[in-house]
Amino acid sequence: MTLLGQQAIRQKLENLPDWSSAGHSIKRTIAFDTFRQGIDFVCIFADLIESWDHHPDLEIRDNEVTVYCASRTEKGITQNDFATARRIDDVIASTLLFEEQD
């Protein structure tokens, strides 16, 4: 898979408003009402993404979970990372476990 340039990354991020560029990855942070809700989300999410051929990195801080997408073999951001981000958005939208905080 080919690495994307900064202009292509910025353009693709316009279609993913909850995501931003973070060095050699794209990221999204989800805030939960409680730490436990964040952990529950990670457990459900881990079961779903296990079958994917592209695993994001996850960071848990208090009641927030940050998801990072990057292509390790390419050492940067590829089209596959944006496809994964869209899948993640679909999972978040369909998860009844939590309501995102504004």
Protein backbone atom coordinates (compact mmCIF):
# COMPACT_ATOMS: atom_id res chain seq x y z
CA MET A 1 0.00 0.00 0.00
CA THR A 2 1.29 3.46 -0.90
CA LEU A 3 1.89 6.17 1.70
CA LEU A 4 -0.35 9.20 1.37
CA GLY A 5 1.06 12.72 1.15
CA GLN A 6 0.04 15.47 3.55
CA GLN A 7 -2.36 17.08 1.07
CA ALA A 8 -4.17 13.77 0.46
CA ILE A 9 -4.35 13.16 4.21
CA ARG A 10 -5.86 16.60 4.84
CA GLN A 11 -8.42 16.06 2.08
CA LYS A 12 -9.44 12.65 3.40
CA LEU A 13 -9.72 13.99 6.95
CA GLU A 14 -12.33 16.48 5.73
CA ASN A 15 -14.66 13.47 5.34
CA LEU A 16 -13.85 12.20 8.84
CA PRO A 17 -14.60 15.16 11.12
CA ASP A 18 -13.87 13.28 14.36
CA TRP A 19 -10.37 12.31 13.20
CA SER A 20 -7.14 14.31 13.07
CA SER A 21 -3.57 13.85 11.94
CA ALA A 22 -1.14 12.76 14.64
CA GLY A 23 2.37 12.42 13.25
CA HIS A 24 2.51 9.21 11.22
CA SER A 25 -1.06 8.22 12.12
CA ILE A 26 -4.62 9.50 12.27
CA LYS A 27 -6.49 9.49 15.57
CA ARG A 28 -9.89 9.79 17.16
CA THR A 29 -10.61 10.27 20.86
CA ILE A 30 -13.88 9.06 22.33
CA ALA A 31 -14.99 10.40 25.72
CA PHE A 32 -17.17 8.25 27.97
CA ASP A 33 -19.12 9.08 31.11
CA THR A 34 -16.99 6.70 33.16
CA PHE A 35 -13.69 4.83 32.99
CA ARG A 36 -15.62 1.54 33.05
CA GLN A 37 -17.61 2.47 29.93
CA GLY A 38 -14.33 3.13 28.12
CA ILE A 39 -12.98 -0.25 29.15
CA ASP A 40 -16.22 -1.98 28.12
CA PHE A 41 -15.97 -0.28 24.72
CA VAL A 42 -12.37 -1.44 24.30
CA CYS A 43 -13.36 -5.04 25.10
CA ILE A 44 -16.22 -5.03 22.58
CA PHE A 45 -14.09 -3.20 20.05
CA ALA A 46 -11.19 -5.66 20.46
CA ASP A 47 -13.47 -8.59 19.68
CA LEU A 48 -14.64 -6.87 16.49
CA ILE A 49 -11.27 -5.74 15.17
CA GLU A 50 -9.59 -9.07 15.83
CA SER A 51 -10.97 -10.27 12.49
CA TRP A 52 -9.72 -7.18 10.63
CA ASP A 53 -6.40 -7.35 8.86
CA HIS A 54 -5.46 -3.89 10.15
CA HIS A 55 -5.33 -3.32 13.91
CA PRO A 56 -5.34 0.21 15.33
CA ASP A 57 -3.45 1.22 18.46
CA LEU A 58 -5.57 2.05 21.49
CA GLU A 59 -4.76 4.41 24.36
CA ILE A 60 -6.86 4.59 27.52
CA ARG A 61 -6.69 7.67 29.75
CA ASP A 62 -9.26 8.07 32.48
CA ASN A 63 -12.64 8.12 30.68
CA GLU A 64 -11.18 8.61 27.18
CA VAL A 65 -10.12 6.07 24.57
CA THR A 66 -7.96 7.25 21.69
CA VAL A 67 -7.73 5.14 18.54
CA TYR A 68 -4.68 5.54 16.27
CA CYS A 69 -4.59 4.20 12.71
CA ALA A 70 -1.28 3.80 10.89
CA SER A 71 0.29 1.28 8.58
CA ARG A 72 3.24 -0.18 10.44
CA THR A 73 4.76 -1.88 7.40
CA GLU A 74 4.62 1.38 5.43
CA LYS A 75 5.57 3.50 8.48
CA GLY A 76 2.85 6.04 7.83
CA ILE A 77 -0.70 6.67 6.67
CA THR A 78 -2.22 4.78 3.75
CA GLN A 79 -5.67 4.42 2.21
CA ASN A 80 -6.11 1.35 4.41
CA ASP A 81 -5.96 3.56 7.51
CA PHE A 82 -8.83 5.68 6.24
CA ALA A 83 -10.87 2.57 5.43
CA THR A 84 -10.21 1.35 8.98
CA ALA A 85 -11.19 4.76 10.40
CA ARG A 86 -14.52 4.60 8.55
CA ARG A 87 -15.13 1.10 9.92
CA ILE A 88 -14.32 2.35 13.41
CA ASP A 89 -16.77 5.24 13.00
CA ASP A 90 -19.43 2.70 11.98
CA VAL A 91 -18.69 0.61 15.09
CA ILE A 92 -18.89 3.66 17.34
CA ALA A 93 -22.15 4.81 15.73
CA SER A 94 -23.71 1.39 16.24
CA THR A 95 -22.51 0.84 19.80
CA LEU A 96 -25.32 1.31 22.28
CA LEU A 97 -22.92 0.92 25.19
CA PHE A 98 -22.31 4.63 25.53
CA GLU A 99 -23.26 8.08 24.42
CA GLU A 100 -20.41 10.35 23.40
CA GLN A 101 -19.95 13.49 25.42
CA ASP A 102 -19.81 16.82 23.63
